[in-house]
Amino acid sequence: MSRLKSLKGKKWILLIAVIALVAVLSGCTSANTTHVTTEDLKNSGSFWKSNVVYWFSLSLDSLAKLFGGEYGLAILVLVIIVRTLILPLTIKQVKSSRNMQKIQPLIKEIQTKYKDTPEKIQAETMKLFQEHKVNPMAGCLPLIIQMPIYIALYNSILYNSNINQHTFLWMELGSPDKLFILPVLVAVSMFFQTWYMMKQNPSQQQGPMQFMLWVYPILMFIMSYQFASALPLYWFYSNIYTIIQNFFLYRNNDKLVAATNVQGTKSSSKKGQAGIVTTNGVGSQAKKKKKKKKK
């Protein structure tokens, strides 16, 4: 498989990886997970728990004390802090995605021009990346760095036994929401988040997003009514943060998507006009020759 095909399949690979991660988190971590204190995490003997999850759990306990034992607010503040700290990575990922969007019409031209020579397509595409200083894999690195942070935050909520002893609004944080209000909020926020992202992508990339638009909310709803409310609450906060974040990061993206589509349409139009001109030119020459012969 050529490198170009690998680049095309990058988004599908990332999608499958995220779904697999969610499946692992939901399947390998049951609702009956052993809950421990923050100190137990420190002395667990596991490098991951004692050196990573422990600090997130400790931050959670400290924030809860600050808010008079309100772990629901502590989770919200911790989500805001963590997501804001890794925001530069997200911005870098968005910039990389935009750069790739800008050169999509040029990539299409190369694919059309050298459709019978895959090696030439690969060479010209790599040359195009170098000319425009675009690294197609640059968008993957921030995501890889962010995932352990998200998992650590998730685990700090999952294992912290102190959370189970508190309530927040109508919820008992240590039990699933029996009113199904929180699962619905999680599913709706996930749907809106995915729908907004789908709008920001060129039309040719909206097929996979359409799949995610329905699968993710359903998956999150099922998981949300199976787990203790603290975890769906974290997912809801995270979804809301992402929606607000994406609004500011992509607010001018509609113009870029429109420009990309227009540029691609113009390119196709020019090629069509070139074909018509060439055909007319050949036809007119043939007519002139016939007139000369008749004379």
Protein backbone atom coordinates (compact mmCIF):
# COMPACT_ATOMS: atom_id res chain seq x y z
CA MET A 1 0.00 0.00 0.00
CA SER A 2 1.38 3.37 -0.97
CA ARG A 3 1.96 6.14 1.51
CA LEU A 4 -0.74 8.20 -0.16
CA LYS A 5 -3.36 5.55 0.51
CA SER A 6 -2.16 5.39 4.08
CA LEU A 7 -2.72 9.13 4.43
CA LYS A 8 -6.22 8.79 3.04
CA GLY A 9 -7.00 6.12 5.57
CA LYS A 10 -5.52 8.04 8.49
CA LYS A 11 -8.85 9.42 9.67
CA TRP A 12 -10.48 6.02 9.54
CA ILE A 13 -7.63 4.55 11.55
CA LEU A 14 -8.01 7.28 14.18
CA LEU A 15 -11.76 6.72 14.26
CA ILE A 16 -11.33 2.99 14.79
CA ALA A 17 -8.71 3.66 17.48
CA VAL A 18 -11.01 5.99 19.40
CA ILE A 19 -13.93 3.54 19.18
CA ALA A 20 -11.64 0.74 20.34
CA LEU A 21 -10.46 2.89 23.25
CA VAL A 22 -14.03 3.63 24.31
CA ALA A 23 -14.85 -0.06 24.03
CA VAL A 24 -11.89 -0.94 26.22
CA LEU A 25 -12.85 1.67 28.79
CA SER A 26 -16.44 0.49 28.86
CA GLY A 27 -15.83 -3.23 28.59
CA CYS A 28 -12.73 -3.75 30.69
CA THR A 29 -13.89 -1.42 33.42
CA SER A 30 -17.19 -2.56 34.80
CA ALA A 31 -19.55 -0.72 37.08
CA ASN A 32 -18.21 -2.86 39.94
CA THR A 33 -14.67 -1.51 39.71
CA THR A 34 -12.83 -1.51 43.03
CA HIS A 35 -12.85 2.02 44.41
CA VAL A 36 -9.89 3.11 46.51
CA THR A 37 -8.71 6.21 48.33
CA THR A 38 -6.22 8.58 46.80
CA GLU A 39 -3.54 7.34 49.21
CA ASP A 40 -4.19 3.77 48.09
CA LEU A 41 -3.50 4.85 44.53
CA LYS A 42 -0.15 6.27 45.65
CA ASN A 43 0.83 2.97 47.28
CA SER A 44 -0.70 0.71 44.65
CA GLY A 45 2.62 -0.46 43.21
CA SER A 46 1.44 0.38 39.70
CA PHE A 47 3.53 3.06 37.99
CA TRP A 48 0.49 4.38 36.12
CA LYS A 49 -1.72 4.65 39.20
CA SER A 50 0.90 5.87 41.67
CA ASN A 51 2.63 8.40 39.40
CA VAL A 52 -0.12 9.60 37.06
CA VAL A 53 -3.66 8.80 38.24
CA TYR A 54 -2.74 9.64 41.84
CA TRP A 55 -2.03 13.30 41.04
CA PHE A 56 -5.29 13.72 39.18
CA SER A 57 -7.17 12.09 42.06
CA LEU A 58 -5.36 14.31 44.57
CA SER A 59 -6.30 17.40 42.55
CA LEU A 60 -9.89 16.23 42.53
CA ASP A 61 -9.94 15.80 46.33
CA SER A 62 -8.31 19.21 46.85
CA LEU A 63 -10.85 20.97 44.62
CA ALA A 64 -13.72 19.17 46.36
CA LYS A 65 -12.48 20.42 49.73
CA LEU A 66 -12.31 23.92 48.29
CA PHE A 67 -15.98 23.66 47.22
CA GLY A 68 -17.19 22.17 50.51
CA GLY A 69 -17.26 18.55 49.34
CA GLU A 70 -19.02 19.24 46.02
CA TYR A 71 -17.31 16.70 43.76
CA GLY A 72 -19.65 17.63 40.91
CA LEU A 73 -18.09 21.10 40.82
CA ALA A 74 -14.61 19.67 41.42
CA ILE A 75 -14.92 17.49 38.31
CA LEU A 76 -16.06 20.53 36.29
CA VAL A 77 -13.12 22.69 37.38
CA LEU A 78 -10.61 19.88 36.83
CA VAL A 79 -11.95 19.32 33.31
CA ILE A 80 -11.60 23.04 32.56
CA ILE A 81 -8.04 23.15 33.93
CA VAL A 82 -6.82 20.02 32.14
CA ARG A 83 -8.49 20.85 28.82
CA THR A 84 -7.15 24.41 28.90
CA LEU A 85 -3.60 23.22 29.61
CA ILE A 86 -3.63 20.94 26.57
CA LEU A 87 -5.39 23.53 24.38
CA PRO A 88 -2.12 24.46 22.56
CA LEU A 89 -1.91 20.86 21.33
CA THR A 90 -5.49 21.05 20.09
CA ILE A 91 -4.79 24.34 18.29
CA LYS A 92 -1.77 22.76 16.60
CA GLN A 93 -3.96 19.86 15.48
CA VAL A 94 -6.57 22.24 14.05
CA LYS A 95 -3.92 24.24 12.15
CA SER A 96 -2.58 21.05 10.61
CA SER A 97 -6.09 20.06 9.56
CA ARG A 98 -6.69 23.47 7.98
CA ASN A 99 -3.43 23.32 6.03
CA MET A 100 -4.47 19.95 4.65
CA GLN A 101 -7.87 21.38 3.68
CA LYS A 102 -6.28 24.23 1.75
CA ILE A 103 -4.28 21.96 -0.55
CA GLN A 104 -7.05 19.40 -1.15
CA PRO A 105 -7.98 20.85 -4.58
CA LEU A 106 -4.31 20.65 -5.63
CA ILE A 107 -4.11 17.03 -4.49
CA LYS A 108 -7.23 16.27 -6.55
CA GLU A 109 -5.62 17.84 -9.62
CA ILE A 110 -2.55 15.64 -9.19
CA GLN A 111 -4.70 12.54 -8.79
CA THR A 112 -6.64 13.37 -11.96
CA LYS A 113 -3.58 14.30 -14.00
CA TYR A 114 -1.57 11.19 -13.10
CA LYS A 115 -4.42 8.76 -12.51
CA ASP A 116 -2.68 6.01 -14.49
CA THR A 117 0.65 6.32 -12.65
CA PRO A 118 0.30 5.85 -8.86
CA GLU A 119 4.04 6.35 -8.32
CA LYS A 120 3.85 9.77 -9.95
CA ILE A 121 0.84 10.69 -7.79
CA GLN A 122 2.78 9.78 -4.67
CA ALA A 123 5.88 11.71 -5.74
CA GLU A 124 3.95 14.84 -6.77
CA THR A 125 1.85 14.77 -3.60
CA MET A 126 4.94 14.55 -1.39
CA LYS A 127 6.46 17.41 -3.39
CA LEU A 128 3.27 19.43 -2.81
CA PHE A 129 3.48 18.80 0.95
CA GLN A 130 7.08 20.07 0.97
CA GLU A 131 6.26 23.19 -1.07
CA HIS A 132 3.41 24.18 1.24
CA LYS A 133 5.24 23.00 4.38
CA VAL A 134 2.44 20.62 5.31
CA ASN A 135 3.05 17.52 7.39
CA PRO A 136 0.06 15.17 6.95
CA MET A 137 0.97 13.32 10.14
CA ALA A 138 1.28 16.46 12.28
CA GLY A 139 -2.35 16.19 13.33
CA CYS A 140 -1.80 12.76 14.86
CA LEU A 141 0.92 13.65 17.37
CA PRO A 142 -1.17 16.04 19.52
CA LEU A 143 -3.92 13.41 19.68
CA ILE A 144 -1.46 10.73 20.81
CA ILE A 145 -0.15 13.02 23.56
CA GLN A 146 -3.64 13.97 24.73
CA MET A 147 -5.03 10.45 25.05
CA PRO A 148 -3.01 9.41 28.17
CA ILE A 149 -4.11 12.65 29.88
CA TYR A 150 -7.76 11.94 29.15
CA ILE A 151 -7.41 8.35 30.36
CA ALA A 152 -5.68 9.48 33.57
CA LEU A 153 -8.46 11.97 34.29
CA TYR A 154 -11.04 9.28 33.54
CA ASN A 155 -9.32 6.82 35.91
CA SER A 156 -9.02 9.40 38.70
CA ILE A 157 -12.81 9.75 38.67
CA LEU A 158 -13.42 6.04 38.22
CA TYR A 159 -11.29 4.80 41.15
CA ASN A 160 -11.81 7.62 43.67
CA SER A 161 -13.99 6.19 46.46
CA ASN A 162 -14.66 9.63 47.98
CA ILE A 163 -16.83 10.58 45.01
CA ASN A 164 -19.26 7.72 45.71
CA GLN A 165 -20.22 9.22 49.05
CA HIS A 166 -21.45 12.52 47.61
CA THR A 167 -24.42 13.84 45.68
CA PHE A 168 -24.70 16.60 43.10
CA LEU A 169 -27.99 18.20 42.10
CA TRP A 170 -30.42 15.26 41.61
CA MET A 171 -27.64 12.65 41.22
CA GLU A 172 -25.92 10.23 43.54
CA LEU A 173 -22.42 10.33 42.07
CA GLY A 174 -21.73 6.72 43.08
CA SER A 175 -24.82 5.34 41.30
CA PRO A 176 -26.26 5.50 37.76
CA ASP A 177 -28.79 8.22 37.08
CA LYS A 178 -32.14 6.42 37.47
CA LEU A 179 -34.00 9.36 35.93
CA PHE A 180 -31.97 9.01 32.69
CA ILE A 181 -31.53 12.79 32.55
CA LEU A 182 -27.72 12.66 32.55
CA PRO A 183 -27.45 9.94 29.84
CA VAL A 184 -29.73 12.03 27.61
CA LEU A 185 -27.62 15.16 28.23
CA VAL A 186 -24.44 13.24 27.38
CA ALA A 187 -25.94 11.83 24.16
CA VAL A 188 -27.38 15.18 23.02
CA SER A 189 -24.14 17.06 23.72
CA MET A 190 -22.17 14.38 21.85
CA PHE A 191 -24.57 14.61 18.89
CA PHE A 192 -24.26 18.40 18.73
CA GLN A 193 -20.46 18.23 19.09
CA THR A 194 -20.16 15.73 16.20
CA TRP A 195 -22.72 17.61 14.05
CA TYR A 196 -20.79 20.86 14.43
CA MET A 197 -17.53 19.17 13.48
CA MET A 198 -19.20 17.59 10.46
CA LYS A 199 -20.18 21.08 9.24
CA GLN A 200 -16.55 22.20 9.38
CA ASN A 201 -15.28 19.49 7.02
CA PRO A 202 -15.31 19.52 3.22
CA SER A 203 -18.17 17.56 1.65
CA GLN A 204 -15.90 14.67 0.61
CA GLN A 205 -14.97 14.03 4.26
CA GLN A 206 -18.52 14.07 5.64
CA GLY A 207 -19.23 10.38 4.97
CA PRO A 208 -17.23 9.09 7.97
CA MET A 209 -18.54 11.98 10.08
CA GLN A 210 -22.12 10.97 9.26
CA PHE A 211 -21.36 7.54 10.68
CA MET A 212 -19.94 9.07 13.86
CA LEU A 213 -22.92 11.46 14.16
CA TRP A 214 -25.24 8.61 15.12
CA VAL A 215 -22.95 5.93 16.52
CA TYR A 216 -21.19 8.07 19.15
CA PRO A 217 -24.31 9.48 20.86
CA ILE A 218 -25.94 6.03 21.03
CA LEU A 219 -22.76 4.50 22.42
CA MET A 220 -22.37 7.26 25.01
CA PHE A 221 -26.03 6.96 26.06
CA ILE A 222 -25.70 3.21 26.67
CA MET A 223 -22.51 3.70 28.66
CA SER A 224 -23.93 6.62 30.65
CA TYR A 225 -26.81 4.72 32.21
CA GLN A 226 -24.57 1.77 33.10
CA PHE A 227 -21.90 3.73 35.00
CA ALA A 228 -22.01 5.70 38.23
CA SER A 229 -23.11 9.28 37.53
CA ALA A 230 -19.66 10.79 38.19
CA LEU A 231 -18.32 9.43 34.88
CA PRO A 232 -21.20 10.58 32.62
CA LEU A 233 -21.00 13.93 34.38
CA TYR A 234 -17.33 14.13 33.36
CA TRP A 235 -18.26 13.20 29.76
CA PHE A 236 -20.98 15.87 29.70
CA TYR A 237 -18.60 18.57 30.98
CA SER A 238 -15.98 17.48 28.45
CA ASN A 239 -18.49 17.60 25.58
CA ILE A 240 -19.62 21.11 26.54
CA TYR A 241 -15.99 22.29 26.75
CA THR A 242 -15.30 20.78 23.32
CA ILE A 243 -18.36 22.46 21.78
CA ILE A 244 -17.30 25.89 23.10
CA GLN A 245 -13.67 25.27 22.14
CA ASN A 246 -14.57 24.24 18.59
CA PHE A 247 -16.86 27.24 18.16
CA PHE A 248 -13.90 29.58 18.68
CA LEU A 249 -11.38 27.45 16.80
CA TYR A 250 -13.58 26.86 13.75
CA ARG A 251 -15.74 30.00 13.67
CA ASN A 252 -14.03 31.20 10.46
CA ASN A 253 -13.75 27.72 9.01
CA ASP A 254 -16.95 27.99 6.93
CA LYS A 255 -15.12 30.42 4.63
CA LEU A 256 -12.20 28.01 4.29
CA VAL A 257 -14.48 25.07 3.46
CA ALA A 258 -16.39 27.19 0.92
CA ALA A 259 -13.13 28.43 -0.64
CA THR A 260 -11.80 24.89 -0.85
CA ASN A 261 -14.95 23.62 -2.56
CA VAL A 262 -15.04 26.63 -4.94
CA GLN A 263 -11.37 26.16 -5.80
CA GLY A 264 -12.00 22.51 -6.57
CA THR A 265 -15.04 23.41 -8.71
CA LYS A 266 -13.07 26.06 -10.62
CA SER A 267 -10.28 23.59 -11.26
CA SER A 268 -12.73 21.05 -12.70
CA SER A 269 -14.41 23.78 -14.72
CA LYS A 270 -11.12 24.92 -16.22
CA LYS A 271 -10.28 21.38 -17.25
CA GLY A 272 -13.70 21.03 -18.87
CA GLN A 273 -13.26 24.29 -20.75
CA ALA A 274 -9.79 23.24 -21.86
CA GLY A 275 -11.25 20.02 -23.26
CA ILE A 276 -13.96 21.95 -25.16
CA VAL A 277 -11.44 24.41 -26.58
CA THR A 278 -9.20 21.59 -27.73
CA THR A 279 -12.09 19.74 -29.34
CA ASN A 280 -13.36 22.88 -31.07
CA GLY A 281 -9.85 23.66 -32.27
CA VAL A 282 -9.47 20.22 -33.85
CA GLY A 283 -12.94 20.46 -35.38
CA SER A 284 -12.29 23.89 -36.92
CA GLN A 285 -8.96 22.75 -38.40
CA ALA A 286 -10.67 19.75 -39.98
CA LYS A 287 -13.34 22.00 -41.53
CA LYS A 288 -10.67 24.32 -43.00
CA LYS A 289 -8.89 21.37 -44.62
CA LYS A 290 -12.14 20.17 -46.20
CA LYS A 291 -12.82 23.63 -47.66
CA LYS A 292 -9.33 23.75 -49.20
CA LYS A 293 -9.81 20.34 -50.84
CA LYS A 294 -13.14 21.41 -52.37
CA LYS A 295 -11.49 24.48 -53.88
